[in-house]
C-alpha cells in the first residue's frame, strides 16, 4: 500500500478564477510508477516481436532497441534477458539496410565500433523470411548462449497456423540455447500481428512522433503486455535520436506524438495557466484544454516525468512560440514559473553512446 507523504497533505494555493491555473504536482509524492516498474517481470529467453508500421523509422528503432538490449537497458520498461553479444542479420536484398546499420552503430560508439554487436549480411540469402521453416532454421543457427539475434521483414500475408508453429519453434530453440530472438516486422496493418502476442515473450509497437527541434527523428515504443499500466507512464516510451558526430538517444515517458501537444503538456506541468499557454501558442484556451485532456498522461500526474533540460530556450524560437505570452488586455502575462522542472527528475534517460 502506498501512502501520501505528510507534506503532501498541506493545502495548496487556490487557482485564480477563470485562468485554469492549477498547483504544481507534489515533488515528494510517492512514485507509484517506480514501484510498479520494479514489479515488472523480465522477459524470458525466447522471441520478442517489434512491429514498425512505417519503414522510415525502422532502421533507427532497430538500432536503438539493439543498443538497449546489448547494454542491458529495459525496452519500454520491460527488462530483457541478459546477453553478451548481439548479431543483426540482413539478407542480400537488404544489403543497403545493413550498411546503414553499420554506420549508425559506428556513429554511436566511434571509439569502440561494434563492441558486443555484429552486423551480418547473408550473401547466400536473397530474401529472409523469418516466419518460414527455412528462415527459422537460419535464425536458430546463429543463436548461442546469452546471444541476441535480430532480423527484419515485412508482415507475411495470411499469417496463421504455419506462422504460429514457426514462432513456437523459434521460441523453443531460443530457450534451449538461453538466447533471445528479436524480429522487426513492418507493414501497414497491426491487426495481422496482434494475435502473435500470445506466442512470444513480448510484442512492442513503434509509432513515429514529431521530434523536438534539436533531434533528428522520434518514435514511441509501446509494450503491449503493460497496456494496463500505460496510464501510469509505464510501458510507453518515447525515443528521440540525434545523429551528428555521434549517435545520441534520449528516452522519456511518452507524452504526445505531436510536438506542440508536448509543449502544452510541459508548460502545464510547470504550472502555467491554460490562458498563458493559449496565448503562447496563439490558440483558444478551450483548444489547449481539449488537447491536454486527449493525452494519455495528465500534466498533473503524480508519476515522475523529467522536464527536458533548457527546453524553453531550445524549443520556443524554432517552433514559433512566444517567449512571453500576451493578450490584448494584459500585455505580457508571465514569463513562466520561477522554478522550472517540478514533478521529479527520474524518468528521462539521456545517453551519449
Protein backbone atom coordinates (compact mmCIF):
# COMPACT_ATOMS: atom_id res chain seq x y z
CA UNK A 1 0.00 0.00 0.00
CA UNK A 2 1.34 3.42 -0.97
CA UNK A 3 0.58 6.31 1.39
CA UNK A 4 0.81 10.00 0.65
CA UNK A 5 3.68 11.76 2.47
CA UNK A 6 2.62 14.03 5.31
CA UNK A 7 3.95 17.08 3.46
CA UNK A 8 1.61 16.30 0.59
CA UNK A 9 -1.47 16.79 2.80
CA UNK A 10 -0.88 20.53 3.10
CA UNK A 11 -3.46 22.69 1.42
CA UNK A 12 -2.28 24.05 -1.90
CA UNK A 13 -2.82 27.54 -3.27
CA UNK A 14 -6.16 28.40 -4.84
CA UNK A 15 -6.26 28.83 -8.62
CA UNK A 16 -7.21 32.23 -9.97
CA UNK A 17 -10.81 32.38 -11.13
CA UNK A 18 -11.16 31.70 -14.85
CA UNK A 19 -7.47 31.20 -15.62
CA UNK A 20 -7.49 27.42 -15.50
CA UNK A 21 -4.36 27.50 -13.36
CA UNK A 22 -3.64 24.57 -11.08
CA UNK A 23 -1.00 23.95 -8.44
CA UNK A 24 2.16 22.18 -9.49
CA UNK A 25 2.34 18.44 -8.79
CA UNK A 26 3.78 17.30 -5.49
CA UNK A 27 7.51 16.88 -5.83
CA UNK A 28 7.61 14.49 -2.86
CA UNK A 29 4.65 12.25 -3.62
CA UNK A 30 5.45 8.53 -3.60
CA UNK A 31 6.14 7.50 -7.18
CA UNK A 32 3.65 4.77 -7.97
CA UNK A 33 5.32 4.18 -11.35
CA UNK A 34 8.68 3.31 -9.78
CA UNK A 35 7.01 0.78 -7.52
CA UNK A 36 5.19 -0.79 -10.47
CA UNK A 37 8.33 -0.81 -12.63
CA UNK A 38 10.22 -2.77 -10.00
CA UNK A 39 7.45 -5.38 -10.12
CA UNK A 40 7.66 -5.90 -13.90
CA UNK A 41 8.56 -9.46 -14.76
CA UNK A 42 11.61 -9.61 -17.08
CA UNK A 43 11.16 -11.18 -20.49
CA UNK A 44 12.48 -14.73 -20.56
CA UNK A 45 14.73 -16.17 -23.29
CA UNK A 46 12.59 -16.66 -26.38
CA UNK A 47 11.11 -14.40 -29.07
CA UNK A 48 10.24 -10.68 -28.99
CA UNK A 49 8.31 -9.09 -31.86
CA UNK A 50 8.68 -5.40 -32.74
CA UNK A 51 6.00 -4.03 -35.08
CA UNK A 52 7.01 -0.95 -37.11
CA UNK A 53 4.18 0.32 -39.39
CA UNK A 54 6.33 2.92 -41.16
CA UNK A 55 9.59 1.64 -42.62
CA UNK A 56 11.10 5.16 -42.28
CA UNK A 57 11.53 4.65 -38.55
CA UNK A 58 12.65 1.02 -38.87
CA UNK A 59 16.47 1.44 -39.08
CA UNK A 60 16.56 3.93 -36.19
CA UNK A 61 14.18 1.94 -33.99
CA UNK A 62 16.11 -1.25 -34.68
CA UNK A 63 19.49 0.24 -33.75
CA UNK A 64 18.07 1.96 -30.64
CA UNK A 65 16.44 -1.23 -29.37
CA UNK A 66 19.50 -3.33 -30.21
CA UNK A 67 21.68 -0.93 -28.21
CA UNK A 68 19.32 -1.06 -25.24
CA UNK A 69 19.41 -4.86 -25.27
CA UNK A 70 23.18 -5.24 -25.54
CA UNK A 71 23.69 -2.56 -22.85
CA UNK A 72 21.18 -4.27 -20.54
CA UNK A 73 18.67 -1.40 -20.51
CA UNK A 74 14.93 -2.10 -20.27
CA UNK A 75 13.00 -1.75 -23.53
CA UNK A 76 9.76 0.19 -22.97
CA UNK A 77 10.27 -0.61 -19.27
CA UNK A 78 10.47 -4.36 -19.96
CA UNK A 79 13.78 -5.87 -18.74
CA UNK A 80 15.26 -8.08 -21.45
CA UNK A 81 17.30 -11.27 -20.91
CA UNK A 82 20.96 -10.54 -20.23
CA UNK A 83 23.03 -11.10 -23.37
CA UNK A 84 26.75 -10.76 -24.03
CA UNK A 85 26.58 -10.37 -27.82
CA UNK A 86 24.05 -9.33 -30.44
CA UNK A 87 24.01 -10.44 -34.08
CA UNK A 88 21.94 -8.39 -36.53
CA UNK A 89 21.10 -10.43 -39.63
CA UNK A 90 20.33 -8.89 -43.04
CA UNK A 91 19.52 -10.60 -46.34
CA UNK A 92 21.35 -9.86 -49.58
CA UNK A 93 18.35 -7.81 -50.68
CA UNK A 94 18.73 -5.69 -47.53
CA UNK A 95 22.44 -5.01 -48.01
CA UNK A 96 21.86 -1.23 -48.01
CA UNK A 97 19.99 -1.53 -44.72
CA UNK A 98 22.94 -3.50 -43.33
CA UNK A 99 25.41 -0.82 -44.44
CA UNK A 100 23.24 1.89 -42.88
CA UNK A 101 23.02 -0.12 -39.65
CA UNK A 102 26.81 -0.43 -39.52
CA UNK A 103 27.10 3.34 -39.99
CA UNK A 104 24.64 4.04 -37.17
CA UNK A 105 26.38 1.62 -34.81
CA UNK A 106 29.78 3.17 -35.55
CA UNK A 107 28.47 6.70 -35.02
CA UNK A 108 27.08 5.54 -31.70
CA UNK A 109 30.43 4.28 -30.42
CA UNK A 110 33.29 5.59 -32.56
CA UNK A 111 35.99 4.64 -30.06
CA UNK A 112 34.84 1.02 -29.85
CA UNK A 113 32.79 0.37 -33.00
CA UNK A 114 30.59 -2.68 -32.88
CA UNK A 115 31.51 -3.67 -29.33
CA UNK A 116 29.16 -6.50 -28.37
CA UNK A 117 27.36 -6.21 -31.70
CA UNK A 118 27.81 -7.68 -35.14
CA UNK A 119 26.01 -6.82 -38.38
CA UNK A 120 25.93 -9.83 -40.72
CA UNK A 121 24.92 -9.74 -44.39
CA UNK A 122 23.74 -13.17 -45.51
CA UNK A 123 25.14 -13.23 -49.04
CA UNK A 124 23.63 -16.65 -49.72
CA UNK A 125 20.15 -15.47 -48.71
CA UNK A 126 18.44 -13.13 -51.19
CA UNK A 127 15.37 -12.60 -49.02
CA UNK A 128 14.96 -13.61 -45.39
CA UNK A 129 11.51 -14.87 -44.39
CA UNK A 130 11.99 -15.29 -40.66
CA UNK A 131 8.49 -16.72 -40.24
CA UNK A 132 9.04 -19.68 -42.56
CA UNK A 133 10.57 -23.02 -41.62
CA UNK A 134 13.71 -22.25 -43.65
CA UNK A 135 14.08 -18.77 -42.16
CA UNK A 136 13.60 -20.10 -38.63
CA UNK A 137 16.35 -22.66 -39.15
CA UNK A 138 18.69 -19.92 -40.38
CA UNK A 139 17.99 -17.76 -37.33
CA UNK A 140 18.49 -20.63 -34.91
CA UNK A 141 21.86 -21.41 -36.49
CA UNK A 142 23.09 -18.08 -35.08
CA UNK A 143 21.62 -18.42 -31.58
CA UNK A 144 24.13 -19.18 -28.86
CA UNK A 145 24.17 -18.97 -25.07
CA UNK A 146 23.35 -15.41 -23.97
CA UNK A 147 23.22 -14.21 -27.58
CA UNK A 148 20.56 -12.00 -29.15
CA UNK A 149 19.79 -12.45 -32.86
CA UNK A 150 17.75 -9.82 -34.70
CA UNK A 151 16.21 -9.75 -38.17
CA UNK A 152 13.57 -7.80 -40.09
CA UNK A 153 10.91 -8.49 -42.71
CA UNK A 154 7.52 -7.39 -43.96
CA UNK A 155 4.45 -8.88 -42.31
CA UNK A 156 3.54 -12.06 -44.22
CA UNK A 157 0.15 -12.32 -45.90
CA UNK A 158 -2.30 -14.77 -44.43
CA UNK A 159 -0.35 -15.28 -41.22
CA UNK A 160 -1.92 -18.15 -39.34
CA UNK A 161 -1.25 -21.66 -38.09
CA UNK A 162 2.01 -22.05 -40.01
CA UNK A 163 3.40 -18.83 -38.54
CA UNK A 164 2.27 -19.91 -35.07
CA UNK A 165 4.21 -23.18 -35.49
CA UNK A 166 7.31 -21.29 -36.63
CA UNK A 167 7.09 -18.92 -33.66
CA UNK A 168 6.82 -21.92 -31.35
CA UNK A 169 9.92 -23.44 -32.99
CA UNK A 170 11.89 -20.20 -32.63
CA UNK A 171 10.81 -19.76 -29.02
CA UNK A 172 11.76 -23.32 -28.10
CA UNK A 173 15.14 -23.05 -29.85
CA UNK A 174 15.96 -19.72 -28.22
CA UNK A 175 15.05 -21.03 -24.77
CA UNK A 176 17.11 -24.19 -25.28
CA UNK A 177 20.14 -22.03 -26.07
CA UNK A 178 19.35 -19.44 -23.38
CA UNK A 179 19.18 -16.81 -26.11
CA UNK A 180 16.87 -14.12 -27.46
CA UNK A 181 15.43 -13.60 -30.96
CA UNK A 182 14.04 -10.17 -31.84
CA UNK A 183 12.03 -9.89 -35.06
CA UNK A 184 11.25 -6.46 -36.53
CA UNK A 185 8.09 -6.69 -38.62
CA UNK A 186 6.98 -3.79 -40.79
CA UNK A 187 3.80 -3.31 -42.78
CA UNK A 188 0.58 -1.28 -42.89
CA UNK A 189 -1.72 -3.31 -40.62
CA UNK A 190 -1.27 -4.15 -36.96
CA UNK A 191 -4.34 -6.41 -36.85
CA UNK A 192 -2.48 -9.23 -38.56
CA UNK A 193 0.13 -9.45 -35.79
CA UNK A 194 -1.95 -8.75 -32.66
CA UNK A 195 -2.66 -12.46 -32.21
CA UNK A 196 1.09 -13.18 -32.27
CA UNK A 197 1.41 -11.61 -28.81
CA UNK A 198 0.18 -14.89 -27.33
CA UNK A 199 3.06 -16.80 -28.94
CA UNK A 200 6.00 -14.58 -27.91
CA UNK A 201 7.59 -13.12 -24.80
CA UNK A 202 6.70 -9.54 -25.75
CA UNK A 203 5.08 -7.55 -28.54
CA UNK A 204 6.40 -3.99 -28.97
CA UNK A 205 4.79 -1.42 -31.25
CA UNK A 206 6.70 1.52 -32.76
CA UNK A 207 4.93 4.73 -33.83
CA UNK A 208 6.56 7.80 -35.38
CA UNK A 209 6.44 11.07 -33.43
CA UNK A 210 7.39 14.66 -34.14
CA UNK A 211 10.98 15.16 -32.98
CA UNK A 212 11.83 18.13 -30.81
CA UNK A 213 13.80 20.88 -32.63
CA UNK A 214 17.20 19.51 -31.59
CA UNK A 215 16.52 15.85 -32.54
CA UNK A 216 16.72 14.05 -35.90
CA UNK A 217 13.89 11.55 -35.50
CA UNK A 218 11.49 10.46 -32.78
CA UNK A 219 9.29 7.45 -32.20
CA UNK A 220 7.29 5.89 -29.40
CA UNK A 221 7.66 2.32 -28.22
CA UNK A 222 4.72 0.59 -26.59
CA UNK A 223 4.88 -2.70 -24.68
CA UNK A 224 1.58 -4.48 -25.24
CA UNK A 225 1.95 -6.61 -22.11
CA UNK A 226 1.93 -3.43 -19.98
CA UNK A 227 -1.15 -1.87 -21.59
CA UNK A 228 -2.98 -1.63 -18.27
CA UNK A 229 -0.11 0.45 -16.84
CA UNK A 230 0.28 2.99 -19.64
CA UNK A 231 -1.82 5.47 -17.64
CA UNK A 232 0.97 5.44 -15.03
CA UNK A 233 3.58 6.23 -17.70
CA UNK A 234 4.78 2.62 -17.74
CA UNK A 235 5.43 0.57 -20.86
CA UNK A 236 5.04 3.51 -23.26
CA UNK A 237 8.31 5.29 -24.01
CA UNK A 238 9.37 7.95 -26.48
CA UNK A 239 12.80 7.81 -28.08
CA UNK A 240 14.42 10.88 -29.62
CA UNK A 241 17.50 10.22 -31.73
CA UNK A 242 20.06 12.81 -32.79
CA UNK A 243 22.58 11.87 -35.45
CA UNK A 244 25.56 14.15 -35.77
CA UNK A 245 29.17 13.43 -34.95
CA UNK A 246 27.82 10.85 -32.52
CA UNK A 247 24.59 8.89 -32.15
CA UNK A 248 22.61 10.19 -29.19
CA UNK A 249 19.32 8.79 -27.94
CA UNK A 250 17.12 10.14 -25.20
CA UNK A 251 14.19 8.36 -23.65
CA UNK A 252 11.32 9.55 -21.53
CA UNK A 253 7.78 8.63 -20.64
CA UNK A 254 5.53 9.07 -23.67
CA UNK A 255 3.57 12.30 -23.50
CA UNK A 256 2.33 13.04 -27.04
CA UNK A 257 3.29 12.33 -30.63
CA UNK A 258 2.70 15.97 -31.68
CA UNK A 259 5.47 18.30 -30.53
CA UNK A 260 3.08 21.22 -29.89
CA UNK A 261 0.98 18.97 -27.67
CA UNK A 262 4.16 18.17 -25.74
CA UNK A 263 4.81 21.91 -25.37
CA UNK A 264 1.32 22.39 -23.91
CA UNK A 265 1.87 19.48 -21.55
CA UNK A 266 5.29 20.70 -20.39
CA UNK A 267 4.06 24.24 -19.80
CA UNK A 268 1.08 22.95 -17.85
CA UNK A 269 3.34 20.62 -15.92
CA UNK A 270 5.45 23.60 -14.89
CA UNK A 271 2.36 25.34 -13.52
CA UNK A 272 1.31 27.72 -16.31
CA UNK A 273 -2.37 28.52 -16.69
CA UNK A 274 -4.44 27.48 -19.69
CA UNK A 275 -4.74 31.16 -20.62
CA UNK A 276 -0.96 31.68 -20.67
CA UNK A 277 -0.43 28.52 -22.72
CA UNK A 278 -3.12 29.52 -25.19
CA UNK A 279 -1.55 32.95 -25.64
CA UNK A 280 1.89 31.49 -26.18
CA UNK A 281 0.66 29.13 -28.90
CA UNK A 282 -1.90 31.57 -30.36
CA UNK A 283 -4.85 29.22 -29.87
CA UNK A 284 -8.06 29.26 -27.82
CA UNK A 285 -8.00 28.26 -24.18
CA UNK A 286 -10.60 25.59 -25.00
CA UNK A 287 -8.24 24.10 -27.61
CA UNK A 288 -5.49 23.75 -25.02
CA UNK A 289 -7.92 22.15 -22.57
CA UNK A 290 -9.19 19.64 -25.15
CA UNK A 291 -5.72 18.74 -26.35
CA UNK A 292 -4.44 18.14 -22.82
CA UNK A 293 -7.47 16.01 -21.94
CA UNK A 294 -6.86 13.85 -25.02
CA UNK A 295 -3.33 12.90 -23.92
CA UNK A 296 -2.73 9.59 -22.12
CA UNK A 297 -0.84 11.17 -19.22
CA UNK A 298 -2.38 14.15 -17.35
CA UNK A 299 0.05 17.05 -16.76
CA UNK A 300 -0.64 16.94 -13.02
CA UNK A 301 0.06 13.23 -12.80
CA UNK A 302 1.96 12.09 -9.74
CA UNK A 303 4.20 9.97 -11.93
CA UNK A 304 7.71 11.39 -12.11
CA UNK A 305 8.49 12.92 -15.50
CA UNK A 306 11.66 14.88 -16.16
CA UNK A 307 11.48 18.20 -17.92
CA UNK A 308 13.95 18.30 -20.85
CA UNK A 309 16.95 20.45 -19.97
CA UNK A 310 16.68 24.06 -21.22
CA UNK A 311 13.70 23.03 -23.32
CA UNK A 312 12.16 26.53 -23.46
CA UNK A 313 15.38 28.03 -24.79
CA UNK A 314 15.83 25.23 -27.35
CA UNK A 315 12.22 24.83 -28.49
CA UNK A 316 10.38 28.15 -28.41
CA UNK A 317 12.09 30.00 -31.28
CA UNK A 318 12.22 27.08 -33.78
CA UNK A 319 8.56 26.27 -33.09
CA UNK A 320 7.47 29.92 -33.31
CA UNK A 321 6.28 30.05 -29.70
CA UNK A 322 6.17 33.32 -27.77
CA UNK A 323 8.77 33.52 -25.05
CA UNK A 324 6.39 35.81 -23.12
CA UNK A 325 2.65 35.16 -23.55
CA UNK A 326 0.42 38.13 -24.38
CA UNK A 327 -3.21 39.03 -24.67
CA UNK A 328 -4.92 42.24 -25.72
CA UNK A 329 -5.91 43.20 -22.19
CA UNK A 330 -2.89 42.38 -20.08
CA UNK A 331 0.04 42.56 -22.48
CA UNK A 332 2.78 40.31 -21.11
CA UNK A 333 1.07 37.77 -18.86
CA UNK A 334 4.02 35.90 -17.42
CA UNK A 335 7.45 34.61 -18.20
CA UNK A 336 6.63 31.17 -16.82
CA UNK A 337 7.26 29.67 -13.40
CA UNK A 338 10.22 30.90 -11.44
CA UNK A 339 11.38 27.36 -10.72
CA UNK A 340 11.32 25.04 -13.72
CA UNK A 341 11.36 21.29 -13.71
CA UNK A 342 8.93 20.20 -10.99
CA UNK A 343 7.49 16.75 -10.74
CA UNK A 344 10.65 14.67 -10.43
CA UNK A 345 13.80 14.16 -12.43
CA UNK A 346 14.00 10.42 -12.77
CA UNK A 347 12.13 9.11 -15.81
CA UNK A 348 14.27 10.56 -18.61
CA UNK A 349 17.45 8.76 -19.60
CA UNK A 350 19.98 10.55 -21.79
CA UNK A 351 22.92 8.68 -23.11
CA UNK A 352 25.65 9.76 -25.48
CA UNK A 353 26.85 6.46 -26.90
